Amino acid sequence: MARRGRLSDSRYRLSYLYAAIGALLLVTAFALLHPARHTPGFADELRISIGANLIDLTLAVLVLQPLVLYLSRNAVRRRNRLDYRDVLDRIETAKDRVDLWKHWTGLLESPHEARFAEAVRGALDRGVRFRIMLTDPSSPDAAERARQVAPTDAITAIRQNIERLEAFSAALPARHRPAFQVRISTTGPAHAFYRVDDWLTYGVFRDRRVSESSQREVRVHGDLGELALEAFENRWNGVGLQSIAAHYRMRLQLTVNDDTSEYELRYVIHDGEPWVNVNPTALPHAFHPDHRVTTPGPGATRWILAAATPETLDRVTALYTAKYGPGEGPVLLRLTAP
């Protein structure tokens, strides 16, 4: 309330100032014109001057000012390449919000990763909020983007981005974690998106070129900026997004007779169905002929674990490797209705 009162007083003082300036100009004009009032043709010249000034003022207010504001609002600055150092400079001075929507970002690769982490910590200390949205490396959209930018290994780049964000988030103080949000999407972005406070740049995805090679810098509150921001907000608040923890692990309860054990298992989605890696922790329960599987929480669902044909298993294993990287051979079983 106190702040609102100060703003109202400031507006009133400004109005009084404008009124005083206007009155001063009127008095000055009168003082200059009054001695020449008996000059022949004075009245006609005065009417012509006033009429011309009124026309100029009307054109300026109704035509030129809206046009200038529109062009300024929708100005687009095109760049051949995104300058990561410029983005980091902006994060280091950010005051409110940083949003990022990419398949993967070079800010989490060398030589920028260390400075990015330091800039984020400093911004979090100032109360800046972060929202970062990356693509699931095992999703069809990630595979399509990898095809577009080949021979760049997009899948590995996405997976490493997520791994580094997980490690960074885990190292943050508890007070900062709510302000640093990361979500993994199975749907890739329509364009690359970097926003720091009132600055926004986006890049168009093209075959054989990464999005950083063609950038459009626009105003957040311009028409193009608002469209890009609306697309980000719709996806951020949409369905199918996961935290990093939910992206990596699925919690299941396996019951054999009266013996129930709870596991957090790595998994992958294939054709809309989850496949879990039961190696090694869940192996004793997973292959028992009388096992039952339950997803804990409200509206618990019952499943059983089923094996797959060699052809399907090869495809699921490839998706699993894309998500978690090469490692020990997984034992993948499909969650299916009993």
Protein backbone atom coordinates (compact mmCIF):
# COMPACT_ATOMS: atom_id res chain seq x y z
CA MET A 1 0.00 0.00 0.00
CA ALA A 2 2.82 2.41 0.85
CA ARG A 3 4.45 1.78 -2.53
CA ARG A 4 1.18 2.36 -4.38
CA GLY A 5 0.72 5.63 -2.48
CA ARG A 6 4.19 6.80 -3.49
CA LEU A 7 3.49 5.98 -7.15
CA SER A 8 0.20 7.92 -7.05
CA ASP A 9 1.90 10.96 -5.49
CA SER A 10 4.62 10.77 -8.16
CA ARG A 11 2.01 10.74 -10.95
CA TYR A 12 0.21 13.75 -9.45
CA ARG A 13 3.46 15.70 -9.17
CA LEU A 14 4.26 14.90 -12.80
CA SER A 15 0.80 16.09 -13.89
CA TYR A 16 1.33 19.37 -12.02
CA LEU A 17 4.70 19.78 -13.71
CA TYR A 18 3.21 19.30 -17.19
CA ALA A 19 0.41 21.76 -16.37
CA ALA A 20 2.94 24.34 -15.18
CA ILE A 21 5.06 23.91 -18.35
CA GLY A 22 1.95 24.33 -20.51
CA ALA A 23 0.91 27.46 -18.67
CA LEU A 24 4.42 28.88 -18.98
CA LEU A 25 4.42 28.26 -22.74
CA LEU A 26 1.04 29.98 -23.13
CA VAL A 27 2.22 33.03 -21.16
CA THR A 28 5.45 33.17 -23.19
CA ALA A 29 3.54 32.94 -26.51
CA PHE A 30 1.17 35.70 -25.40
CA ALA A 31 4.07 37.92 -24.32
CA LEU A 32 5.79 37.47 -27.70
CA LEU A 33 2.69 37.97 -29.84
CA HIS A 34 0.99 40.80 -27.91
CA PRO A 35 3.32 43.62 -29.13
CA ALA A 36 2.67 42.63 -32.78
CA ARG A 37 -1.14 42.56 -32.51
CA HIS A 38 -1.58 45.76 -34.59
CA THR A 39 0.59 44.50 -37.48
CA PRO A 40 -1.43 44.31 -40.76
CA GLY A 41 -2.62 40.71 -41.42
CA PHE A 42 -1.67 39.63 -37.90
CA ALA A 43 -4.97 37.82 -37.25
CA ASP A 44 -4.83 35.89 -40.54
CA GLU A 45 -1.21 34.86 -40.00
CA LEU A 46 -2.01 33.79 -36.46
CA ARG A 47 -4.94 31.63 -37.58
CA ILE A 48 -2.81 30.02 -40.32
CA SER A 49 0.01 29.25 -37.90
CA ILE A 50 -2.30 27.82 -35.27
CA GLY A 51 -4.12 25.70 -37.87
CA ALA A 52 -0.86 24.35 -39.32
CA ASN A 53 0.45 23.49 -35.86
CA LEU A 54 -2.80 21.74 -34.97
CA ILE A 55 -2.57 19.66 -38.17
CA ASP A 56 1.07 18.78 -37.39
CA LEU A 57 0.12 17.82 -33.84
CA THR A 58 -2.76 15.66 -35.04
CA LEU A 59 -0.55 13.83 -37.54
CA ALA A 60 2.14 13.29 -34.92
CA VAL A 61 -0.26 11.95 -32.28
CA LEU A 62 -2.56 9.89 -34.49
CA VAL A 63 -0.18 8.63 -37.19
CA LEU A 64 3.53 9.05 -36.56
CA GLN A 65 3.68 8.17 -32.86
CA PRO A 66 1.66 4.89 -33.20
CA LEU A 67 3.75 3.95 -36.25
CA VAL A 68 7.04 4.53 -34.43
CA LEU A 69 5.81 2.60 -31.39
CA TYR A 70 4.64 -0.29 -33.58
CA LEU A 71 7.94 -0.50 -35.46
CA SER A 72 9.89 -0.31 -32.20
CA ARG A 73 7.67 -2.96 -30.55
CA ASN A 74 8.15 -5.40 -33.43
CA ALA A 75 11.77 -4.70 -34.28
CA VAL A 76 13.71 -7.85 -35.15
CA ARG A 77 17.47 -8.08 -34.94
CA ARG A 78 18.85 -10.98 -36.96
CA ARG A 79 22.08 -12.69 -36.04
CA ASN A 80 24.05 -15.35 -37.87
CA ARG A 81 25.03 -17.03 -34.62
CA LEU A 82 23.99 -16.97 -30.98
CA ASP A 83 26.65 -15.37 -28.80
CA TYR A 84 26.75 -17.52 -25.65
CA ARG A 85 28.96 -14.96 -23.92
CA ASP A 86 26.23 -12.36 -24.45
CA VAL A 87 23.63 -14.73 -22.95
CA LEU A 88 25.90 -15.34 -19.95
CA ASP A 89 26.46 -11.59 -19.52
CA ARG A 90 22.69 -11.13 -19.37
CA ILE A 91 22.23 -13.96 -16.86
CA GLU A 92 24.91 -12.40 -14.66
CA THR A 93 22.84 -9.19 -14.50
CA ALA A 94 19.35 -10.77 -14.60
CA LYS A 95 16.83 -9.46 -12.08
CA ASP A 96 13.68 -11.55 -12.54
CA ARG A 97 13.49 -14.56 -14.86
CA VAL A 98 15.48 -16.80 -17.20
CA ASP A 99 13.66 -19.23 -19.53
CA LEU A 100 15.32 -21.71 -21.87
CA TRP A 101 13.68 -24.18 -24.28
CA LYS A 102 15.94 -26.34 -26.42
CA HIS A 103 16.65 -29.90 -27.45
CA TRP A 104 20.03 -29.21 -25.83
CA THR A 105 22.04 -26.06 -25.19
CA GLY A 106 25.68 -25.17 -25.63
CA LEU A 107 25.56 -23.33 -22.30
CA LEU A 108 25.96 -26.77 -20.68
CA GLU A 109 28.95 -27.70 -22.82
CA SER A 110 32.56 -26.60 -22.56
CA PRO A 111 33.82 -23.88 -22.61
CA HIS A 112 30.64 -22.29 -21.17
CA GLU A 113 29.48 -24.81 -18.54
CA ALA A 114 31.57 -23.51 -15.62
CA ARG A 115 30.65 -19.86 -16.21
CA PHE A 116 26.98 -20.80 -16.69
CA ALA A 117 26.91 -22.59 -13.34
CA GLU A 118 28.55 -19.63 -11.61
CA ALA A 119 26.16 -17.16 -13.29
CA VAL A 120 23.12 -19.22 -12.26
CA ARG A 121 24.25 -19.41 -8.63
CA GLY A 122 24.72 -15.65 -8.53
CA ALA A 123 21.33 -15.05 -10.15
CA LEU A 124 19.61 -17.40 -7.69
CA ASP A 125 21.14 -15.40 -4.84
CA ARG A 126 19.43 -12.30 -6.33
CA GLY A 127 16.04 -14.05 -6.47
CA VAL A 128 16.02 -14.82 -10.21
CA ARG A 129 13.79 -17.76 -11.26
CA PHE A 130 14.90 -20.31 -13.87
CA ARG A 131 12.78 -22.53 -16.11
CA ILE A 132 14.69 -24.91 -18.39
CA MET A 133 12.98 -27.35 -20.75
CA LEU A 134 14.95 -30.00 -22.68
CA THR A 135 13.91 -32.94 -24.84
CA ASP A 136 13.82 -36.59 -23.79
CA PRO A 137 16.74 -38.19 -25.72
CA SER A 138 14.69 -41.38 -26.22
CA SER A 139 11.75 -39.54 -27.81
CA PRO A 140 10.92 -39.54 -31.55
CA ASP A 141 11.48 -35.76 -31.68
CA ALA A 142 15.04 -36.17 -30.40
CA ALA A 143 15.69 -38.86 -33.01
CA GLU A 144 14.35 -36.57 -35.75
CA ARG A 145 16.52 -33.69 -34.62
CA ALA A 146 19.54 -36.00 -34.53
CA ARG A 147 18.81 -36.92 -38.15
CA GLN A 148 18.56 -33.26 -39.12
CA VAL A 149 21.91 -32.21 -37.64
CA ALA A 150 23.92 -35.36 -38.44
CA PRO A 151 26.84 -35.97 -38.08
CA THR A 152 26.45 -33.96 -34.84
CA ASP A 153 25.63 -36.48 -32.10
CA ALA A 154 22.49 -34.77 -30.84
CA ILE A 155 21.34 -37.69 -28.68
CA THR A 156 24.56 -37.70 -26.66
CA ALA A 157 24.47 -33.91 -26.34
CA ILE A 158 20.90 -34.00 -24.98
CA ARG A 159 21.69 -36.82 -22.55
CA GLN A 160 24.79 -35.04 -21.24
CA ASN A 161 22.83 -31.78 -20.78
CA ILE A 162 20.31 -33.57 -18.57
CA GLU A 163 23.03 -35.36 -16.59
CA ARG A 164 24.83 -32.07 -15.92
CA LEU A 165 21.62 -30.34 -14.88
CA GLU A 166 20.87 -33.20 -12.49
CA ALA A 167 24.30 -32.87 -10.88
CA PHE A 168 24.00 -29.08 -10.71
CA SER A 169 20.51 -29.20 -9.17
CA ALA A 170 21.59 -31.75 -6.57
CA ALA A 171 24.45 -29.46 -5.48
CA LEU A 172 22.23 -26.39 -5.01
CA PRO A 173 21.28 -25.27 -1.49
CA ALA A 174 17.75 -26.29 -0.54
CA ARG A 175 16.58 -22.65 -0.53
CA HIS A 176 17.45 -22.28 -4.23
CA ARG A 177 15.96 -25.47 -5.63
CA PRO A 178 12.34 -24.22 -5.97
CA ALA A 179 13.59 -21.33 -8.15
CA PHE A 180 15.60 -23.62 -10.45
CA GLN A 181 13.11 -25.77 -12.32
CA VAL A 182 14.01 -28.25 -15.06
CA ARG A 183 11.49 -30.26 -17.06
CA ILE A 184 12.00 -32.95 -19.67
CA SER A 185 9.59 -33.03 -22.59
CA THR A 186 8.86 -35.84 -25.03
CA THR A 187 7.82 -33.12 -27.52
CA GLY A 188 10.64 -31.03 -28.93
CA PRO A 189 10.45 -27.24 -29.27
CA ALA A 190 9.23 -25.49 -32.39
CA HIS A 191 12.26 -23.21 -32.17
CA ALA A 192 15.18 -22.54 -29.87
CA PHE A 193 14.20 -20.14 -27.10
CA TYR A 194 16.35 -18.04 -24.74
CA ARG A 195 14.77 -15.39 -22.54
CA VAL A 196 16.44 -13.24 -19.88
CA ASP A 197 14.09 -10.68 -18.29
CA ASP A 198 12.83 -8.48 -21.18
CA TRP A 199 15.28 -9.86 -23.76
CA LEU A 200 14.38 -12.81 -26.00
CA THR A 201 16.07 -14.56 -28.89
CA TYR A 202 14.86 -17.57 -30.81
CA GLY A 203 16.32 -19.69 -33.60
CA VAL A 204 14.61 -21.62 -36.35
CA PHE A 205 15.42 -25.32 -36.74
CA ARG A 206 16.78 -26.27 -40.14
CA ASP A 207 18.20 -29.41 -41.69
CA ARG A 208 21.98 -29.75 -41.33
CA ARG A 209 22.18 -26.61 -39.17
CA VAL A 210 21.94 -26.13 -35.43
CA SER A 211 19.46 -23.50 -34.26
CA GLU A 212 22.18 -21.22 -32.89
CA SER A 213 23.26 -20.40 -36.47
CA SER A 214 20.13 -18.35 -37.27
CA GLN A 215 18.78 -16.15 -34.49
CA ARG A 216 16.03 -13.52 -34.23
CA GLU A 217 16.30 -11.14 -31.30
CA VAL A 218 12.96 -9.52 -30.41
CA ARG A 219 11.23 -7.69 -27.58
CA VAL A 220 9.48 -9.90 -25.04
CA HIS A 221 6.44 -7.62 -25.11
CA GLY A 222 6.34 -7.25 -28.89
CA ASP A 223 4.05 -9.27 -31.15
CA LEU A 224 6.70 -11.85 -32.11
CA GLY A 225 8.05 -12.03 -28.58
CA GLU A 226 4.60 -12.61 -27.11
CA LEU A 227 3.93 -15.41 -29.62
CA ALA A 228 7.20 -17.14 -28.72
CA LEU A 229 6.54 -16.64 -25.00
CA GLU A 230 2.99 -18.01 -25.34
CA ALA A 231 4.33 -21.16 -27.04
CA PHE A 232 6.79 -21.64 -24.17
CA GLU A 233 4.14 -21.08 -21.48
CA ASN A 234 1.68 -23.47 -23.15
CA ARG A 235 4.27 -26.24 -23.30
CA TRP A 236 5.63 -25.57 -19.80
CA ASN A 237 2.12 -25.89 -18.36
CA GLY A 238 1.09 -28.73 -20.68
CA VAL A 239 0.92 -32.46 -20.08
CA GLY A 240 3.69 -35.00 -20.47
CA LEU A 241 6.51 -33.01 -18.84
CA GLN A 242 8.61 -34.59 -16.11
CA SER A 243 11.15 -33.57 -13.54
CA ILE A 244 14.64 -35.04 -13.95
CA ALA A 245 13.95 -37.54 -11.16
CA ALA A 246 10.74 -38.78 -12.82
CA HIS A 247 12.53 -38.82 -16.18
CA TYR A 248 15.16 -41.20 -14.83
CA ARG A 249 13.23 -43.51 -12.47
CA MET A 250 9.83 -45.19 -12.14
CA ARG A 251 8.66 -46.35 -8.72
CA LEU A 252 7.05 -49.80 -8.61
CA GLN A 253 5.96 -52.29 -5.98
CA LEU A 254 6.56 -55.95 -6.85
CA THR A 255 4.68 -58.57 -4.85
CA VAL A 256 5.30 -62.32 -4.81
CA ASN A 257 2.86 -64.15 -2.52
CA ASP A 258 2.89 -61.94 0.61
CA ASP A 259 6.35 -60.49 0.05
CA THR A 260 6.26 -56.91 -1.31
CA SER A 261 9.29 -54.88 -2.27
CA GLU A 262 9.48 -51.35 -3.65
CA TYR A 263 11.92 -50.38 -6.39
CA GLU A 264 12.87 -47.29 -8.33
CA LEU A 265 13.73 -48.64 -11.76
CA ARG A 266 15.13 -47.10 -14.88
CA TYR A 267 12.67 -47.20 -17.73
CA VAL A 268 11.93 -46.14 -21.30
CA ILE A 269 8.72 -45.54 -23.25
CA HIS A 270 8.12 -47.43 -26.50
CA ASP A 271 4.85 -47.06 -28.43
CA GLY A 272 3.27 -45.47 -25.39
CA GLU A 273 4.15 -48.38 -23.07
CA PRO A 274 6.76 -48.31 -20.26
CA TRP A 275 9.59 -50.81 -20.23
CA VAL A 276 11.60 -51.17 -17.02
CA ASN A 277 15.09 -52.43 -16.43
CA VAL A 278 14.84 -55.08 -13.71
CA ASN A 279 18.57 -55.79 -13.68
CA PRO A 280 19.83 -56.35 -11.05
CA THR A 281 17.67 -55.26 -8.11
CA ALA A 282 14.22 -56.52 -9.15
CA LEU A 283 15.26 -59.76 -10.83
CA PRO A 284 14.13 -62.10 -8.00
CA HIS A 285 10.57 -60.79 -8.16
CA ALA A 286 10.26 -59.91 -11.85
CA PHE A 287 10.51 -63.47 -13.18
CA HIS A 288 8.43 -65.24 -10.54
CA PRO A 289 5.32 -66.71 -12.22
CA ASP A 290 3.00 -65.29 -9.51
CA HIS A 291 4.40 -61.74 -9.38
CA ARG A 292 2.18 -58.66 -9.28
CA VAL A 293 3.22 -55.09 -10.04
CA THR A 294 1.62 -51.96 -8.58
CA THR A 295 2.36 -48.30 -9.21
CA PRO A 296 2.19 -46.66 -5.76
CA GLY A 297 0.13 -43.56 -5.05
CA PRO A 298 -3.44 -42.43 -5.69
CA GLY A 299 -5.29 -44.50 -8.26
CA ALA A 300 -2.79 -47.34 -8.08
CA THR A 301 -2.69 -49.51 -11.19
CA ARG A 302 -1.88 -53.22 -11.33
CA TRP A 303 0.43 -54.67 -13.97
CA ILE A 304 2.52 -57.67 -14.80
CA LEU A 305 5.94 -57.75 -16.43
CA ALA A 306 6.15 -59.36 -19.87
CA ALA A 307 9.07 -60.19 -22.11
CA ALA A 308 9.29 -59.06 -25.74
CA THR A 309 10.17 -60.48 -29.12
CA PRO A 310 13.81 -60.05 -30.19
CA GLU A 311 12.81 -57.42 -32.79
CA THR A 312 10.96 -55.27 -30.27
CA LEU A 313 13.64 -55.77 -27.65
CA ASP A 314 16.33 -54.46 -30.02
CA ARG A 315 14.34 -51.28 -30.57
CA VAL A 316 13.61 -50.80 -26.87
CA THR A 317 17.26 -51.39 -25.99
CA ALA A 318 18.29 -48.72 -28.50
CA LEU A 319 15.89 -46.24 -26.88
CA TYR A 320 17.21 -47.18 -23.44
CA THR A 321 20.80 -46.57 -24.55
CA ALA A 322 19.79 -43.20 -26.00
CA LYS A 323 18.30 -42.21 -22.65
CA TYR A 324 20.91 -43.58 -20.25
CA GLY A 325 23.96 -44.12 -22.41
CA PRO A 326 25.95 -47.30 -22.94
CA GLY A 327 26.53 -49.45 -19.89
CA GLU A 328 25.68 -52.81 -18.41
CA GLY A 329 23.18 -54.77 -20.47
CA PRO A 330 19.67 -53.95 -19.26
CA VAL A 331 17.00 -56.57 -18.72
CA LEU A 332 13.92 -54.82 -20.12
CA LEU A 333 10.40 -56.03 -19.44
CA ARG A 334 7.16 -54.43 -20.52
CA LEU A 335 4.49 -53.27 -18.08
CA THR A 336 1.20 -54.66 -19.33
CA ALA A 337 -2.27 -55.26 -17.96
CA PRO A 338 -2.72 -58.71 -16.33
